[in-house]
Amino acid sequence: MLGDLIAEEQGRITGRRVLPGEHGLPPTVETSYAASGTLLGVPVQDMGTYTARLRDDGTLEGGGQGVLMGPGGAHASWRGHGVGTFTESGGNSFRGSVVYETDSPEFAGLRGVAGVFEWENSVDGEVAGKLWAWR
């Protein structure tokens, strides 16, 4: 069941590059970002990189990974996967799932939880995301 909103963040894209497609697939766009927000009520800095490729139906398939850092050395890593669409303004919008790994007490509530997310990129490089617990 979809649970409580457990994270929100906003930030900026810090880099992009186009990678060659493999095995006859179209090229992949790699995007890195830095964002700040809260996770389980703890202030965090999030750094991540994800790749996305255009599918035959015009949607995007993406996956990525990143690290979160909180005060006092709290930390977590994440891996996610999702599908996206292009927005009318030229950005994109993704929906997907994410899982975390951590041994920090501040983020113990992430253990055994899958998250579902909404992620938005604007054409000018702004990013924003929300995450809900899926228990």
Protein backbone atom coordinates (compact mmCIF):
# COMPACT_ATOMS: atom_id res chain seq x y z
CA MET A 1 0.00 0.00 0.00
CA LEU A 2 1.21 3.47 -0.84
CA GLY A 3 2.17 5.15 2.40
CA ASP A 4 3.16 8.52 3.69
CA LEU A 5 5.12 11.16 1.84
CA ILE A 6 8.64 10.60 3.24
CA ALA A 7 10.83 12.86 1.12
CA GLU A 8 10.80 16.04 -0.94
CA GLU A 9 13.70 17.75 -2.65
CA GLN A 10 14.61 20.44 -5.15
CA GLY A 11 17.82 21.16 -6.98
CA ARG A 12 19.64 21.62 -10.27
CA ILE A 13 21.12 19.51 -13.00
CA THR A 14 24.91 19.65 -12.74
CA GLY A 15 25.80 17.85 -15.96
CA ARG A 16 24.52 15.95 -18.98
CA ARG A 17 26.12 13.84 -21.66
CA VAL A 18 24.96 11.60 -24.47
CA LEU A 19 26.27 8.03 -24.46
CA PRO A 20 26.19 5.71 -27.45
CA GLY A 21 23.41 3.16 -27.62
CA GLU A 22 24.27 -0.47 -27.07
CA HIS A 23 23.04 -3.52 -28.97
CA GLY A 24 21.15 -1.43 -31.51
CA LEU A 25 19.34 0.72 -28.92
CA PRO A 26 19.13 4.51 -29.27
CA PRO A 27 21.66 6.74 -27.47
CA THR A 28 21.31 7.20 -23.72
CA VAL A 29 21.30 10.58 -21.97
CA GLU A 30 23.13 10.64 -18.64
CA THR A 31 22.05 13.34 -16.18
CA SER A 32 23.67 14.28 -12.86
CA TYR A 33 22.08 16.56 -10.29
CA ALA A 34 22.46 17.98 -6.80
CA ALA A 35 19.42 18.62 -4.62
CA SER A 36 18.47 19.41 -1.04
CA GLY A 37 15.37 18.59 0.94
CA THR A 38 14.17 16.27 3.68
CA LEU A 39 13.99 12.50 4.03
CA LEU A 40 12.07 11.09 6.99
CA GLY A 41 12.15 14.61 8.44
CA VAL A 42 15.96 14.81 8.26
CA PRO A 43 17.56 17.57 6.15
CA VAL A 44 19.56 15.98 3.31
CA GLN A 45 21.80 16.75 0.39
CA ASP A 46 21.26 14.33 -2.52
CA MET A 47 23.65 13.71 -5.39
CA GLY A 48 22.61 11.37 -8.16
CA THR A 49 23.14 10.28 -11.72
CA TYR A 50 20.60 8.58 -13.93
CA THR A 51 20.39 7.53 -17.53
CA ALA A 52 17.38 7.60 -19.81
CA ARG A 53 16.79 6.26 -23.28
CA LEU A 54 13.98 6.96 -25.71
CA ARG A 55 11.72 3.95 -26.30
CA ASP A 56 9.92 3.17 -29.55
CA ASP A 57 6.62 4.41 -28.10
CA GLY A 58 8.06 7.89 -27.35
CA THR A 59 8.41 7.35 -23.61
CA LEU A 60 11.65 7.25 -21.65
CA GLU A 61 13.12 4.40 -19.63
CA GLY A 62 15.57 5.36 -16.91
CA GLY A 63 17.61 4.11 -14.01
CA GLY A 64 20.03 5.67 -11.60
CA GLN A 65 21.83 5.76 -8.31
CA GLY A 66 22.93 8.27 -5.75
CA VAL A 67 23.91 9.14 -2.22
CA LEU A 68 22.21 11.18 0.48
CA MET A 69 24.02 12.95 3.28
CA GLY A 70 22.46 14.36 6.41
CA PRO A 71 23.76 16.15 9.48
CA GLY A 72 26.26 14.42 11.72
CA GLY A 73 27.36 11.89 9.11
CA ALA A 74 23.94 10.34 8.43
CA HIS A 75 23.97 8.76 4.98
CA ALA A 76 22.11 6.47 2.60
CA SER A 77 22.54 5.26 -0.96
CA TRP A 78 19.73 4.66 -3.42
CA ARG A 79 19.00 2.89 -6.70
CA GLY A 80 15.95 3.60 -8.80
CA HIS A 81 14.18 2.77 -12.03
CA GLY A 82 11.31 4.47 -13.80
CA VAL A 83 9.50 5.57 -16.92
CA GLY A 84 9.19 9.11 -18.17
CA THR A 85 7.47 11.37 -20.63
CA PHE A 86 8.41 14.67 -22.22
CA THR A 87 6.58 17.75 -20.98
CA GLU A 88 5.11 20.41 -23.25
CA SER A 89 7.78 22.86 -22.07
CA GLY A 90 10.66 20.56 -23.11
CA GLY A 91 11.50 19.00 -19.76
CA ASN A 92 10.56 15.53 -18.63
CA SER A 93 8.59 13.83 -15.91
CA PHE A 94 9.41 10.42 -14.39
CA ARG A 95 7.55 7.96 -12.17
CA GLY A 96 9.19 4.92 -10.65
CA SER A 97 10.52 3.05 -7.66
CA VAL A 98 13.58 3.43 -5.48
CA VAL A 99 15.25 1.33 -2.77
CA TYR A 100 17.74 2.50 -0.17
CA GLU A 101 20.68 1.09 1.76
CA THR A 102 21.82 2.63 5.03
CA ASP A 103 23.22 1.83 8.43
CA SER A 104 22.50 5.31 9.81
CA PRO A 105 20.01 5.35 12.70
CA GLU A 106 18.41 8.52 11.27
CA PHE A 107 17.32 6.55 8.21
CA ALA A 108 16.41 3.23 9.85
CA GLY A 109 12.85 3.78 8.60
CA LEU A 110 14.07 3.11 5.05
CA ARG A 111 15.02 -0.49 5.76
CA GLY A 112 12.65 -2.93 4.10
CA VAL A 113 10.78 -0.14 2.30
CA ALA A 114 10.44 0.46 -1.41
CA GLY A 115 9.68 4.03 -2.37
CA VAL A 116 7.66 5.31 -5.29
CA PHE A 117 8.64 8.66 -6.70
CA GLU A 118 7.66 11.54 -8.94
CA TRP A 119 10.59 13.38 -10.53
CA GLU A 120 10.39 16.48 -12.70
CA ASN A 121 13.10 18.15 -14.80
CA SER A 122 12.47 21.55 -16.30
CA VAL A 123 14.03 22.71 -19.56
CA ASP A 124 16.14 25.23 -17.60
CA GLY A 125 17.73 22.53 -15.39
CA GLU A 126 15.60 22.71 -12.26
CA VAL A 127 14.70 19.35 -10.65
CA ALA A 128 12.14 18.42 -8.01
CA GLY A 129 11.06 15.13 -6.52
CA LYS A 130 8.68 13.55 -4.04
CA LEU A 131 8.87 10.07 -2.51
CA TRP A 132 6.22 7.95 -0.80
CA ALA A 133 6.80 4.79 1.23
CA TRP A 134 5.41 1.61 -0.29
CA ARG A 135 4.96 -0.96 2.42
